[in-house]
Amino acid sequence: MTVPYPREVAEMVTIFATFKPKTGLYQEALFVLRDVLEPTRAEPGCLRFDLFAGEDGPTTLHLYEIFVNAAAIDEHRRTQHYQIYRASIEPLLEVPPHAIRTVALDVVVGHVEKPGTV
């Protein structure tokens, strides 16, 4: 039997974003991405905003983002820290960031709690 998710979970939006810095600019790209982490995590609509490096060494960076709903992402994109991050990261990349936007189909709700609230 399938138990329907609460509306709040069904509205969550997850984004997997990949960044490929230009040769020699990995550390600068890493700095720009790290700089946007804390202000984004402090947004009320942000549940997760985590930065990862690819296993292939200093060639790719990834953001794993979960927002409570699409409106929270829209609000995030209007913040000053997002605008600064976008303007700063673009010139450092070989290609524009590749983002995959998803919606929850089957998740463990406890794994999407805002860090520090469990």
PDB file of N, CA and C in Angstrom:
ATOM      1  N   MET A   1       0.830  -1.175   0.000  1.00  0.00           N
ATOM      2  CA  MET A   1       0.000   0.000   0.000  1.00  0.00           C
ATOM      3  C   MET A   1       0.883   1.250   0.000  1.00  0.00           C
ATOM      4  N   THR A   2       0.585   2.193  -0.861  1.00  0.00           N
ATOM      5  CA  THR A   2       1.333   3.432  -0.938  1.00  0.00           C
ATOM      6  C   THR A   2       0.655   4.485  -0.084  1.00  0.00           C
ATOM      7  N   VAL A   3       1.440   5.092   0.778  1.00  0.00           N
ATOM      8  CA  VAL A   3       0.922   6.167   1.629  1.00  0.00           C
ATOM      9  C   VAL A   3       1.268   7.482   0.948  1.00  0.00           C
ATOM     10  N   PRO A   4       0.284   8.309   0.651  1.00  0.00           N
ATOM     11  CA  PRO A   4       0.591   9.578  -0.011  1.00  0.00           C
ATOM     12  C   PRO A   4       1.409  10.482   0.901  1.00  0.00           C
ATOM     13  N   TYR A   5       2.314  11.216   0.290  1.00  0.00           N
ATOM     14  CA  TYR A   5       3.117  12.166   1.049  1.00  0.00           C
ATOM     15  C   TYR A   5       2.261  13.340   1.483  1.00  0.00           C
ATOM     16  N   PRO A   6       2.634  13.949   2.605  1.00  0.00           N
ATOM     17  CA  PRO A   6       1.967  15.210   2.952  1.00  0.00           C
ATOM     18  C   PRO A   6       2.201  16.220   1.827  1.00  0.00           C
ATOM     19  N   ARG A   7       1.317  17.139   1.684  1.00  0.00           N
ATOM     20  CA  ARG A   7       1.433  18.139   0.628  1.00  0.00           C
ATOM     21  C   ARG A   7       2.797  18.823   0.646  1.00  0.00           C
ATOM     22  N   GLU A   8       3.341  19.077   1.835  1.00  0.00           N
ATOM     23  CA  GLU A   8       4.623  19.761   1.950  1.00  0.00           C
ATOM     24  C   GLU A   8       5.744  18.982   1.267  1.00  0.00           C
ATOM     25  N   VAL A   9       5.740  17.665   1.396  1.00  0.00           N
ATOM     26  CA  VAL A   9       6.770  16.849   0.766  1.00  0.00           C
ATOM     27  C   VAL A   9       6.552  16.795  -0.736  1.00  0.00           C
ATOM     28  N   ALA A  10       5.319  16.673  -1.154  1.00  0.00           N
ATOM     29  CA  ALA A  10       5.018  16.594  -2.581  1.00  0.00           C
ATOM     30  C   ALA A  10       5.428  17.867  -3.309  1.00  0.00           C
ATOM     31  N   GLU A  11       5.460  18.991  -2.615  1.00  0.00           N
ATOM     32  CA  GLU A  11       5.823  20.266  -3.239  1.00  0.00           C
ATOM     33  C   GLU A  11       7.317  20.549  -3.227  1.00  0.00           C
ATOM     34  N   MET A  12       8.093  19.765  -2.488  1.00  0.00           N
ATOM     35  CA  MET A  12       9.532  20.001  -2.421  1.00  0.00           C
ATOM     36  C   MET A  12      10.158  19.896  -3.803  1.00  0.00           C
ATOM     37  N   VAL A  13      11.173  20.720  -4.026  1.00  0.00           N
ATOM     38  CA  VAL A  13      11.903  20.688  -5.287  1.00  0.00           C
ATOM     39  C   VAL A  13      13.376  20.461  -4.968  1.00  0.00           C
ATOM     40  N   THR A  14      13.960  19.505  -5.659  1.00  0.00           N
ATOM     41  CA  THR A  14      15.371  19.192  -5.496  1.00  0.00           C
ATOM     42  C   THR A  14      16.105  19.534  -6.783  1.00  0.00           C
ATOM     43  N   ILE A  15      17.285  20.107  -6.622  1.00  0.00           N
ATOM     44  CA  ILE A  15      18.110  20.467  -7.775  1.00  0.00           C
ATOM     45  C   ILE A  15      19.491  19.863  -7.587  1.00  0.00           C
ATOM     46  N   PHE A  16      19.975  19.212  -8.644  1.00  0.00           N
ATOM     47  CA  PHE A  16      21.353  18.738  -8.709  1.00  0.00           C
ATOM     48  C   PHE A  16      22.051  19.605  -9.750  1.00  0.00           C
ATOM     49  N   ALA A  17      23.011  20.400  -9.322  1.00  0.00           N
ATOM     50  CA  ALA A  17      23.693  21.309 -10.243  1.00  0.00           C
ATOM     51  C   ALA A  17      25.168  20.935 -10.336  1.00  0.00           C
ATOM     52  N   THR A  18      25.686  20.904 -11.558  1.00  0.00           N
ATOM     53  CA  THR A  18      27.079  20.557 -11.805  1.00  0.00           C
ATOM     54  C   THR A  18      27.801  21.749 -12.417  1.00  0.00           C
ATOM     55  N   PHE A  19      29.007  21.979 -11.915  1.00  0.00           N
ATOM     56  CA  PHE A  19      29.837  23.087 -12.357  1.00  0.00           C
ATOM     57  C   PHE A  19      31.178  22.546 -12.838  1.00  0.00           C
ATOM     58  N   LYS A  20      31.605  22.961 -14.023  1.00  0.00           N
ATOM     59  CA  LYS A  20      32.894  22.547 -14.574  1.00  0.00           C
ATOM     60  C   LYS A  20      33.773  23.785 -14.732  1.00  0.00           C
ATOM     61  N   PRO A  21      34.627  24.048 -13.731  1.00  0.00           N
ATOM     62  CA  PRO A  21      35.488  25.226 -13.804  1.00  0.00           C
ATOM     63  C   PRO A  21      36.505  25.118 -14.951  1.00  0.00           C
ATOM     64  N   LYS A  22      36.868  26.278 -15.471  1.00  0.00           N
ATOM     65  CA  LYS A  22      37.929  26.336 -16.475  1.00  0.00           C
ATOM     66  C   LYS A  22      39.231  25.874 -15.836  1.00  0.00           C
ATOM     67  N   THR A  23      40.142  25.382 -16.666  1.00  0.00           N
ATOM     68  CA  THR A  23      41.448  24.936 -16.184  1.00  0.00           C
ATOM     69  C   THR A  23      42.106  26.050 -15.374  1.00  0.00           C
ATOM     70  N   GLY A  24      42.548  25.699 -14.186  1.00  0.00           N
ATOM     71  CA  GLY A  24      43.228  26.644 -13.317  1.00  0.00           C
ATOM     72  C   GLY A  24      42.313  27.499 -12.459  1.00  0.00           C
ATOM     73  N   LEU A  25      40.997  27.356 -12.611  1.00  0.00           N
ATOM     74  CA  LEU A  25      40.064  28.202 -11.866  1.00  0.00           C
ATOM     75  C   LEU A  25      39.210  27.421 -10.861  1.00  0.00           C
ATOM     76  N   TYR A  26      39.598  26.183 -10.581  1.00  0.00           N
ATOM     77  CA  TYR A  26      38.829  25.344  -9.656  1.00  0.00           C
ATOM     78  C   TYR A  26      38.706  25.998  -8.273  1.00  0.00           C
ATOM     79  N   GLN A  27      39.828  26.450  -7.719  1.00  0.00           N
ATOM     80  CA  GLN A  27      39.804  27.029  -6.374  1.00  0.00           C
ATOM     81  C   GLN A  27      38.951  28.289  -6.317  1.00  0.00           C
ATOM     82  N   GLU A  28      39.008  29.103  -7.364  1.00  0.00           N
ATOM     83  CA  GLU A  28      38.175  30.310  -7.398  1.00  0.00           C
ATOM     84  C   GLU A  28      36.692  29.941  -7.445  1.00  0.00           C
ATOM     85  N   ALA A  29      36.347  28.949  -8.257  1.00  0.00           N
ATOM     86  CA  ALA A  29      34.955  28.500  -8.335  1.00  0.00           C
ATOM     87  C   ALA A  29      34.504  27.925  -6.995  1.00  0.00           C
ATOM     88  N   LEU A  30      35.372  27.168  -6.364  1.00  0.00           N
ATOM     89  CA  LEU A  30      35.069  26.598  -5.049  1.00  0.00           C
ATOM     90  C   LEU A  30      34.798  27.720  -4.044  1.00  0.00           C
ATOM     91  N   PHE A  31      35.598  28.759  -4.062  1.00  0.00           N
ATOM     92  CA  PHE A  31      35.402  29.896  -3.164  1.00  0.00           C
ATOM     93  C   PHE A  31      34.040  30.550  -3.397  1.00  0.00           C
ATOM     94  N   VAL A  32      33.685  30.781  -4.658  1.00  0.00           N
ATOM     95  CA  VAL A  32      32.400  31.415  -4.984  1.00  0.00           C
ATOM     96  C   VAL A  32      31.241  30.560  -4.475  1.00  0.00           C
ATOM     97  N   LEU A  33      31.317  29.251  -4.691  1.00  0.00           N
ATOM     98  CA  LEU A  33      30.236  28.367  -4.252  1.00  0.00           C
ATOM     99  C   LEU A  33      30.164  28.293  -2.728  1.00  0.00           C
ATOM    100  N   ARG A  34      31.311  28.219  -2.075  1.00  0.00           N
ATOM    101  CA  ARG A  34      31.300  28.183  -0.605  1.00  0.00           C
ATOM    102  C   ARG A  34      30.718  29.462  -0.025  1.00  0.00           C
ATOM    103  N   ASP A  35      30.961  30.569  -0.702  1.00  0.00           N
ATOM    104  CA  ASP A  35      30.508  31.859  -0.208  1.00  0.00           C
ATOM    105  C   ASP A  35      28.975  31.974  -0.196  1.00  0.00           C
ATOM    106  N   VAL A  36      28.285  31.219  -1.061  1.00  0.00           N
ATOM    107  CA  VAL A  36      26.828  31.307  -1.136  1.00  0.00           C
ATOM    108  C   VAL A  36      26.135  30.280  -0.224  1.00  0.00           C
ATOM    109  N   LEU A  37      26.882  29.355   0.351  1.00  0.00           N
ATOM    110  CA  LEU A  37      26.277  28.286   1.153  1.00  0.00           C
ATOM    111  C   LEU A  37      25.516  28.803   2.366  1.00  0.00           C
ATOM    112  N   GLU A  38      26.179  29.502   3.255  1.00  0.00           N
ATOM    113  CA  GLU A  38      25.542  29.896   4.519  1.00  0.00           C
ATOM    114  C   GLU A  38      24.347  30.824   4.335  1.00  0.00           C
ATOM    115  N   PRO A  39      24.451  31.881   3.496  1.00  0.00           N
ATOM    116  CA  PRO A  39      23.252  32.711   3.356  1.00  0.00           C
ATOM    117  C   PRO A  39      22.080  31.959   2.740  1.00  0.00           C
ATOM    118  N   THR A  40      22.367  31.012   1.854  1.00  0.00           N
ATOM    119  CA  THR A  40      21.288  30.226   1.266  1.00  0.00           C
ATOM    120  C   THR A  40      20.681  29.293   2.300  1.00  0.00           C
ATOM    121  N   ARG A  41      21.520  28.644   3.085  1.00  0.00           N
ATOM    122  CA  ARG A  41      21.024  27.745   4.133  1.00  0.00           C
ATOM    123  C   ARG A  41      20.166  28.475   5.155  1.00  0.00           C
ATOM    124  N   ALA A  42      20.394  29.764   5.315  1.00  0.00           N
ATOM    125  CA  ALA A  42      19.620  30.559   6.276  1.00  0.00           C
ATOM    126  C   ALA A  42      18.251  30.973   5.739  1.00  0.00           C
ATOM    127  N   GLU A  43      18.014  30.782   4.464  1.00  0.00           N
ATOM    128  CA  GLU A  43      16.717  31.133   3.887  1.00  0.00           C
ATOM    129  C   GLU A  43      15.634  30.209   4.445  1.00  0.00           C
ATOM    130  N   PRO A  44      14.466  30.746   4.771  1.00  0.00           N
ATOM    131  CA  PRO A  44      13.417  29.906   5.351  1.00  0.00           C
ATOM    132  C   PRO A  44      12.925  28.792   4.433  1.00  0.00           C
ATOM    133  N   GLY A  45      13.027  28.952   3.146  1.00  0.00           N
ATOM    134  CA  GLY A  45      12.550  27.931   2.216  1.00  0.00           C
ATOM    135  C   GLY A  45      13.579  26.902   1.817  1.00  0.00           C
ATOM    136  N   CYS A  46      14.799  27.024   2.334  1.00  0.00           N
ATOM    137  CA  CYS A  46      15.875  26.086   1.991  1.00  0.00           C
ATOM    138  C   CYS A  46      15.957  24.977   3.032  1.00  0.00           C
ATOM    139  N   LEU A  47      15.843  23.734   2.575  1.00  0.00           N
ATOM    140  CA  LEU A  47      15.986  22.580   3.466  1.00  0.00           C
ATOM    141  C   LEU A  47      17.400  22.017   3.427  1.00  0.00           C
ATOM    142  N   ARG A  48      18.037  22.041   2.258  1.00  0.00           N
ATOM    143  CA  ARG A  48      19.417  21.554   2.104  1.00  0.00           C
ATOM    144  C   ARG A  48      20.085  22.372   1.020  1.00  0.00           C
ATOM    145  N   PHE A  49      21.379  22.607   1.211  1.00  0.00           N
ATOM    146  CA  PHE A  49      22.178  23.281   0.201  1.00  0.00           C
ATOM    147  C   PHE A  49      23.605  22.828   0.437  1.00  0.00           C
ATOM    148  N   ASP A  50      23.979  21.725  -0.198  1.00  0.00           N
ATOM    149  CA  ASP A  50      25.243  21.047   0.084  1.00  0.00           C
ATOM    150  C   ASP A  50      26.156  21.065  -1.127  1.00  0.00           C
ATOM    151  N   LEU A  51      27.447  21.222  -0.872  1.00  0.00           N
ATOM    152  CA  LEU A  51      28.458  21.300  -1.923  1.00  0.00           C
ATOM    153  C   LEU A  51      29.304  20.031  -1.915  1.00  0.00           C
ATOM    154  N   PHE A  52      29.516  19.476  -3.106  1.00  0.00           N
ATOM    155  CA  PHE A  52      30.319  18.266  -3.272  1.00  0.00           C
ATOM    156  C   PHE A  52      31.337  18.470  -4.381  1.00  0.00           C
ATOM    157  N   ALA A  53      32.426  17.717  -4.307  1.00  0.00           N
ATOM    158  CA  ALA A  53      33.409  17.674  -5.391  1.00  0.00           C
ATOM    159  C   ALA A  53      33.266  16.342  -6.105  1.00  0.00           C
ATOM    160  N   GLY A  54      33.555  16.332  -7.392  1.00  0.00           N
ATOM    161  CA  GLY A  54      33.537  15.082  -8.142  1.00  0.00           C
ATOM    162  C   GLY A  54      34.694  14.188  -7.741  1.00  0.00           C
ATOM    163  N   GLU A  55      34.516  12.900  -7.877  1.00  0.00           N
ATOM    164  CA  GLU A  55      35.581  11.957  -7.544  1.00  0.00           C
ATOM    165  C   GLU A  55      36.738  12.023  -8.536  1.00  0.00           C
ATOM    166  N   ASP A  56      36.517  12.715  -9.638  1.00  0.00           N
ATOM    167  CA  ASP A  56      37.536  12.795 -10.680  1.00  0.00           C
ATOM    168  C   ASP A  56      38.600  13.851 -10.393  1.00  0.00           C
ATOM    169  N   GLY A  57      38.663  14.338  -9.176  1.00  0.00           N
ATOM    170  CA  GLY A  57      39.650  15.346  -8.820  1.00  0.00           C
ATOM    171  C   GLY A  57      39.085  16.737  -9.008  1.00  0.00           C
ATOM    172  N   PRO A  58      39.958  17.731  -9.057  1.00  0.00           N
ATOM    173  CA  PRO A  58      39.494  19.111  -9.116  1.00  0.00           C
ATOM    174  C   PRO A  58      39.019  19.537 -10.506  1.00  0.00           C
ATOM    175  N   THR A  59      37.963  18.859 -10.976  1.00  0.00           N
ATOM    176  CA  THR A  59      37.417  19.226 -12.290  1.00  0.00           C
ATOM    177  C   THR A  59      35.928  19.522 -12.248  1.00  0.00           C
ATOM    178  N   THR A  60      35.215  19.027 -11.245  1.00  0.00           N
ATOM    179  CA  THR A  60      33.782  19.302 -11.156  1.00  0.00           C
ATOM    180  C   THR A  60      33.372  19.570  -9.713  1.00  0.00           C
ATOM    181  N   LEU A  61      32.360  20.400  -9.588  1.00  0.00           N
ATOM    182  CA  LEU A  61      31.737  20.698  -8.305  1.00  0.00           C
ATOM    183  C   LEU A  61      30.236  20.491  -8.475  1.00  0.00           C
ATOM    184  N   HIS A  62      29.568  20.132  -7.392  1.00  0.00           N
ATOM    185  CA  HIS A  62      28.137  19.837  -7.463  1.00  0.00           C
ATOM    186  C   HIS A  62      27.422  20.457  -6.270  1.00  0.00           C
ATOM    187  N   LEU A  63      26.245  21.006  -6.529  1.00  0.00           N
ATOM    188  CA  LEU A  63      25.364  21.461  -5.462  1.00  0.00           C
ATOM    189  C   LEU A  63      24.153  20.547  -5.413  1.00  0.00           C
ATOM    190  N   TYR A  64      23.782  20.152  -4.203  1.00  0.00           N
ATOM    191  CA  TYR A  64      22.578  19.374  -3.950  1.00  0.00           C
ATOM    192  C   TYR A  64      21.660  20.286  -3.146  1.00  0.00           C
ATOM    193  N   GLU A  65      20.535  20.660  -3.734  1.00  0.00           N
ATOM    194  CA  GLU A  65      19.665  21.658  -3.149  1.00  0.00           C
ATOM    195  C   GLU A  65      18.259  21.096  -2.960  1.00  0.00           C
ATOM    196  N   ILE A  66      17.673  21.367  -1.811  1.00  0.00           N
ATOM    197  CA  ILE A  66      16.268  21.027  -1.600  1.00  0.00           C
ATOM    198  C   ILE A  66      15.576  22.268  -1.038  1.00  0.00           C
ATOM    199  N   PHE A  67      14.507  22.665  -1.699  1.00  0.00           N
ATOM    200  CA  PHE A  67      13.698  23.799  -1.265  1.00  0.00           C
ATOM    201  C   PHE A  67      12.279  23.310  -0.993  1.00  0.00           C
ATOM    202  N   VAL A  68      11.585  23.995  -0.101  1.00  0.00           N
ATOM    203  CA  VAL A  68      10.253  23.549   0.306  1.00  0.00           C
ATOM    204  C   VAL A  68       9.269  23.551  -0.852  1.00  0.00           C
ATOM    205  N   ASN A  69       9.444  24.453  -1.820  1.00  0.00           N
ATOM    206  CA  ASN A  69       8.562  24.495  -2.980  1.00  0.00           C
ATOM    207  C   ASN A  69       9.178  25.407  -4.047  1.00  0.00           C
ATOM    208  N   ALA A  70       8.527  25.502  -5.181  1.00  0.00           N
ATOM    209  CA  ALA A  70       9.032  26.323  -6.288  1.00  0.00           C
ATOM    210  C   ALA A  70       9.091  27.800  -5.916  1.00  0.00           C
ATOM    211  N   ALA A  71       8.161  28.258  -5.095  1.00  0.00           N
ATOM    212  CA  ALA A  71       8.173  29.665  -4.674  1.00  0.00           C
ATOM    213  C   ALA A  71       9.430  29.982  -3.863  1.00  0.00           C
ATOM    214  N   ALA A  72       9.903  29.024  -3.078  1.00  0.00           N
ATOM    215  CA  ALA A  72      11.124  29.237  -2.296  1.00  0.00           C
ATOM    216  C   ALA A  72      12.339  29.369  -3.214  1.00  0.00           C
ATOM    217  N   ILE A  73      12.356  28.615  -4.303  1.00  0.00           N
ATOM    218  CA  ILE A  73      13.449  28.754  -5.271  1.00  0.00           C
ATOM    219  C   ILE A  73      13.380  30.122  -5.937  1.00  0.00           C
ATOM    220  N   ASP A  74      12.190  30.543  -6.291  1.00  0.00           N
ATOM    221  CA  ASP A  74      12.033  31.871  -6.890  1.00  0.00           C
ATOM    222  C   ASP A  74      12.538  32.950  -5.939  1.00  0.00           C
ATOM    223  N   GLU A  75      12.193  32.834  -4.681  1.00  0.00           N
ATOM    224  CA  GLU A  75      12.644  33.802  -3.680  1.00  0.00           C
ATOM    225  C   GLU A  75      14.171  33.756  -3.549  1.00  0.00           C
ATOM    226  N   HIS A  76      14.738  32.558  -3.535  1.00  0.00           N
ATOM    227  CA  HIS A  76      16.195  32.380  -3.463  1.00  0.00           C
ATOM    228  C   HIS A  76      16.878  33.114  -4.616  1.00  0.00           C
ATOM    229  N   ARG A  77      16.329  32.982  -5.798  1.00  0.00           N
ATOM    230  CA  ARG A  77      16.944  33.599  -6.979  1.00  0.00           C
ATOM    231  C   ARG A  77      16.823  35.123  -6.983  1.00  0.00           C
ATOM    232  N   ARG A  78      16.006  35.669  -6.131  1.00  0.00           N
ATOM    233  CA  ARG A  78      15.890  37.129  -6.018  1.00  0.00           C
ATOM    234  C   ARG A  78      16.825  37.715  -4.961  1.00  0.00           C
ATOM    235  N   THR A  79      17.498  36.859  -4.178  1.00  0.00           N
ATOM    236  CA  THR A  79      18.366  37.360  -3.109  1.00  0.00           C
ATOM    237  C   THR A  79      19.639  37.966  -3.681  1.00  0.00           C
ATOM    238  N   GLN A  80      20.215  38.859  -2.916  1.00  0.00           N
ATOM    239  CA  GLN A  80      21.464  39.496  -3.338  1.00  0.00           C
ATOM    240  C   GLN A  80      22.595  38.470  -3.428  1.00  0.00           C
ATOM    241  N   HIS A  81      22.673  37.536  -2.465  1.00  0.00           N
ATOM    242  CA  HIS A  81      23.766  36.565  -2.505  1.00  0.00           C
ATOM    243  C   HIS A  81      23.666  35.650  -3.725  1.00  0.00           C
ATOM    244  N   TYR A  82      22.463  35.334  -4.166  1.00  0.00           N
ATOM    245  CA  TYR A  82      22.311  34.530  -5.384  1.00  0.00           C
ATOM    246  C   TYR A  82      22.775  35.328  -6.599  1.00  0.00           C
ATOM    247  N   GLN A  83      22.383  36.589  -6.690  1.00  0.00           N
ATOM    248  CA  GLN A  83      22.769  37.428  -7.825  1.00  0.00           C
ATOM    249  C   GLN A  83      24.286  37.575  -7.906  1.00  0.00           C
ATOM    250  N   ILE A  84      24.926  37.764  -6.755  1.00  0.00           N
ATOM    251  CA  ILE A  84      26.389  37.882  -6.721  1.00  0.00           C
ATOM    252  C   ILE A  84      27.037  36.570  -7.142  1.00  0.00           C
ATOM    253  N   TYR A  85      26.527  35.462  -6.612  1.00  0.00           N
ATOM    254  CA  TYR A  85      27.065  34.147  -6.965  1.00  0.00           C
ATOM    255  C   TYR A  85      26.964  33.893  -8.470  1.00  0.00           C
ATOM    256  N   ARG A  86      25.809  34.149  -9.058  1.00  0.00           N
ATOM    257  CA  ARG A  86      25.631  33.898 -10.498  1.00  0.00           C
ATOM    258  C   ARG A  86      26.583  34.735 -11.334  1.00  0.00           C
ATOM    259  N   ALA A  87      26.715  36.014 -11.001  1.00  0.00           N
ATOM    260  CA  ALA A  87      27.609  36.892 -11.754  1.00  0.00           C
ATOM    261  C   ALA A  87      29.069  36.484 -11.580  1.00  0.00           C
ATOM    262  N   SER A  88      29.405  35.959 -10.416  1.00  0.00           N
ATOM    263  CA  SER A  88      30.796  35.587 -10.127  1.00  0.00           C
ATOM    264  C   SER A  88      31.182  34.232 -10.698  1.00  0.00           C
ATOM    265  N   ILE A  89      30.259  33.268 -10.712  1.00  0.00           N
ATOM    266  CA  ILE A  89      30.599  31.905 -11.130  1.00  0.00           C
ATOM    267  C   ILE A  89      30.679  31.751 -12.644  1.00  0.00           C
ATOM    268  N   GLU A  90      29.814  32.424 -13.369  1.00  0.00           N
ATOM    269  CA  GLU A  90      29.739  32.234 -14.826  1.00  0.00           C
ATOM    270  C   GLU A  90      31.091  32.376 -15.530  1.00  0.00           C
ATOM    271  N   PRO A  91      31.881  33.445 -15.277  1.00  0.00           N
ATOM    272  CA  PRO A  91      33.151  33.587 -16.002  1.00  0.00           C
ATOM    273  C   PRO A  91      34.200  32.533 -15.650  1.00  0.00           C
ATOM    274  N   LEU A  92      33.977  31.798 -14.567  1.00  0.00           N
ATOM    275  CA  LEU A  92      34.935  30.793 -14.115  1.00  0.00           C
ATOM    276  C   LEU A  92      34.693  29.411 -14.720  1.00  0.00           C
ATOM    277  N   LEU A  93      33.583  29.257 -15.444  1.00  0.00           N
ATOM    278  CA  LEU A  93      33.168  27.934 -15.918  1.00  0.00           C
ATOM    279  C   LEU A  93      33.428  27.733 -17.403  1.00  0.00           C
ATOM    280  N   GLU A  94      33.739  26.472 -17.752  1.00  0.00           N
ATOM    281  CA  GLU A  94      33.889  26.098 -19.161  1.00  0.00           C
ATOM    282  C   GLU A  94      32.562  26.194 -19.901  1.00  0.00           C
ATOM    283  N   VAL A  95      31.504  25.745 -19.240  1.00  0.00           N
ATOM    284  CA  VAL A  95      30.156  25.749 -19.803  1.00  0.00           C
ATOM    285  C   VAL A  95      29.197  26.220 -18.709  1.00  0.00           C
ATOM    286  N   PRO A  96      28.014  26.689 -19.070  1.00  0.00           N
ATOM    287  CA  PRO A  96      27.061  27.080 -18.021  1.00  0.00           C
ATOM    288  C   PRO A  96      26.766  25.900 -17.085  1.00  0.00           C
ATOM    289  N   PRO A  97      26.387  26.189 -15.836  1.00  0.00           N
ATOM    290  CA  PRO A  97      26.057  25.101 -14.908  1.00  0.00           C
ATOM    291  C   PRO A  97      24.959  24.214 -15.499  1.00  0.00           C
ATOM    292  N   HIS A  98      25.081  22.926 -15.243  1.00  0.00           N
ATOM    293  CA  HIS A  98      24.056  21.974 -15.687  1.00  0.00           C
ATOM    294  C   HIS A  98      23.207  21.634 -14.468  1.00  0.00           C
ATOM    295  N   ALA A  99      21.938  22.013 -14.509  1.00  0.00           N
ATOM    296  CA  ALA A  99      21.047  21.783 -13.366  1.00  0.00           C
ATOM    297  C   ALA A  99      19.920  20.854 -13.760  1.00  0.00           C
ATOM    298  N   ILE A 100      19.681  19.888 -12.890  1.00  0.00           N
ATOM    299  CA  ILE A 100      18.561  18.965 -13.054  1.00  0.00           C
ATOM    300  C   ILE A 100      17.592  19.246 -11.917  1.00  0.00           C
ATOM    301  N   ARG A 101      16.391  19.642 -12.266  1.00  0.00           N
ATOM    302  CA  ARG A 101      15.355  19.967 -11.279  1.00  0.00           C
ATOM    303  C   ARG A 101      14.408  18.781 -11.180  1.00  0.00           C
ATOM    304  N   THR A 102      14.156  18.325  -9.958  1.00  0.00           N
ATOM    305  CA  THR A 102      13.321  17.152  -9.746  1.00  0.00           C
ATOM    306  C   THR A 102      12.241  17.447  -8.699  1.00  0.00           C
ATOM    307  N   VAL A 103      11.252  16.575  -8.644  1.00  0.00           N
ATOM    308  CA  VAL A 103      10.240  16.614  -7.598  1.00  0.00           C
ATOM    309  C   VAL A 103      10.267  15.282  -6.856  1.00  0.00           C
ATOM    310  N   ALA A 104       9.845  15.288  -5.624  1.00  0.00           N
ATOM    311  CA  ALA A 104       9.894  14.090  -4.789  1.00  0.00           C
ATOM    312  C   ALA A 104       8.894  13.043  -5.262  1.00  0.00           C
ATOM    313  N   LEU A 105       9.374  11.824  -5.428  1.00  0.00           N
ATOM    314  CA  LEU A 105       8.507  10.696  -5.734  1.00  0.00           C
ATOM    315  C   LEU A 105       8.505   9.686  -4.592  1.00  0.00           C
ATOM    316  N   ASP A 106       9.684   9.415  -4.039  1.00  0.00           N
ATOM    317  CA  ASP A 106       9.804   8.439  -2.967  1.00  0.00           C
ATOM    318  C   ASP A 106      11.014   8.845  -2.125  1.00  0.00           C
ATOM    319  N   VAL A 107      10.762   9.522  -1.023  1.00  0.00           N
ATOM    320  CA  VAL A 107      11.839  10.015  -0.173  1.00  0.00           C
ATOM    321  C   VAL A 107      11.581   9.615   1.270  1.00  0.00           C
ATOM    322  N   VAL A 108      12.657   9.581   2.038  1.00  0.00           N
ATOM    323  CA  VAL A 108      12.546   9.383   3.472  1.00  0.00           C
ATOM    324  C   VAL A 108      12.503  10.777   4.074  1.00  0.00           C
ATOM    325  N   VAL A 109      11.388  11.141   4.627  1.00  0.00           N
ATOM    326  CA  VAL A 109      11.156  12.515   5.060  1.00  0.00           C
ATOM    327  C   VAL A 109      12.198  12.985   6.065  1.00  0.00           C
ATOM    328  N   GLY A 110      12.620  12.145   6.953  1.00  0.00           N
ATOM    329  CA  GLY A 110      13.601  12.527   7.956  1.00  0.00           C
ATOM    330  C   GLY A 110      14.929  12.971   7.366  1.00  0.00           C
ATOM    331  N   HIS A 111      15.209  12.599   6.134  1.00  0.00           N
ATOM    332  CA  HIS A 111      16.475  12.953   5.497  1.00  0.00           C
ATOM    333  C   HIS A 111      16.451  14.323   4.849  1.00  0.00           C
ATOM    334  N   VAL A 112      15.353  15.007   4.882  1.00  0.00           N
ATOM    335  CA  VAL A 112      15.286  16.321   4.249  1.00  0.00           C
ATOM    336  C   VAL A 112      15.030  17.426   5.263  1.00  0.00           C
ATOM    337  N   GLU A 113      15.185  17.103   6.535  1.00  0.00           N
ATOM    338  CA  GLU A 113      14.998  18.124   7.561  1.00  0.00           C
ATOM    339  C   GLU A 113      16.111  19.160   7.439  1.00  0.00           C
ATOM    340  N   LYS A 114      15.812  20.390   7.774  1.00  0.00           N
ATOM    341  CA  LYS A 114      16.800  21.446   7.744  1.00  0.00           C
ATOM    342  C   LYS A 114      17.896  21.094   8.754  1.00  0.00           C
ATOM    343  N   PRO A 115      19.168  21.165   8.353  1.00  0.00           N
ATOM    344  CA  PRO A 115      20.249  20.816   9.276  1.00  0.00           C
ATOM    345  C   PRO A 115      20.130  21.581  10.593  1.00  0.00           C
ATOM    346  N   GLY A 116      20.341  20.876  11.683  1.00  0.00           N
ATOM    347  CA  GLY A 116      20.282  21.498  12.995  1.00  0.00           C
ATOM    348  C   GLY A 116      18.895  21.566  13.608  1.00  0.00           C
ATOM    349  N   THR A 117      17.876  21.050  12.898  1.00  0.00           N
ATOM    350  CA  THR A 117      16.524  21.121  13.437  1.00  0.00           C
ATOM    351  C   THR A 117      16.015  19.774  13.915  1.00  0.00           C
ATOM    352  N   VAL A 118      16.807  18.743  13.751  1.00  0.00           N
ATOM    353  CA  VAL A 118      16.365  17.403  14.153  1.00  0.00           C
ATOM    354  C   VAL A 118      16.629  17.183  15.606  1.00  0.00           C
TER     355      VAL A 118
END
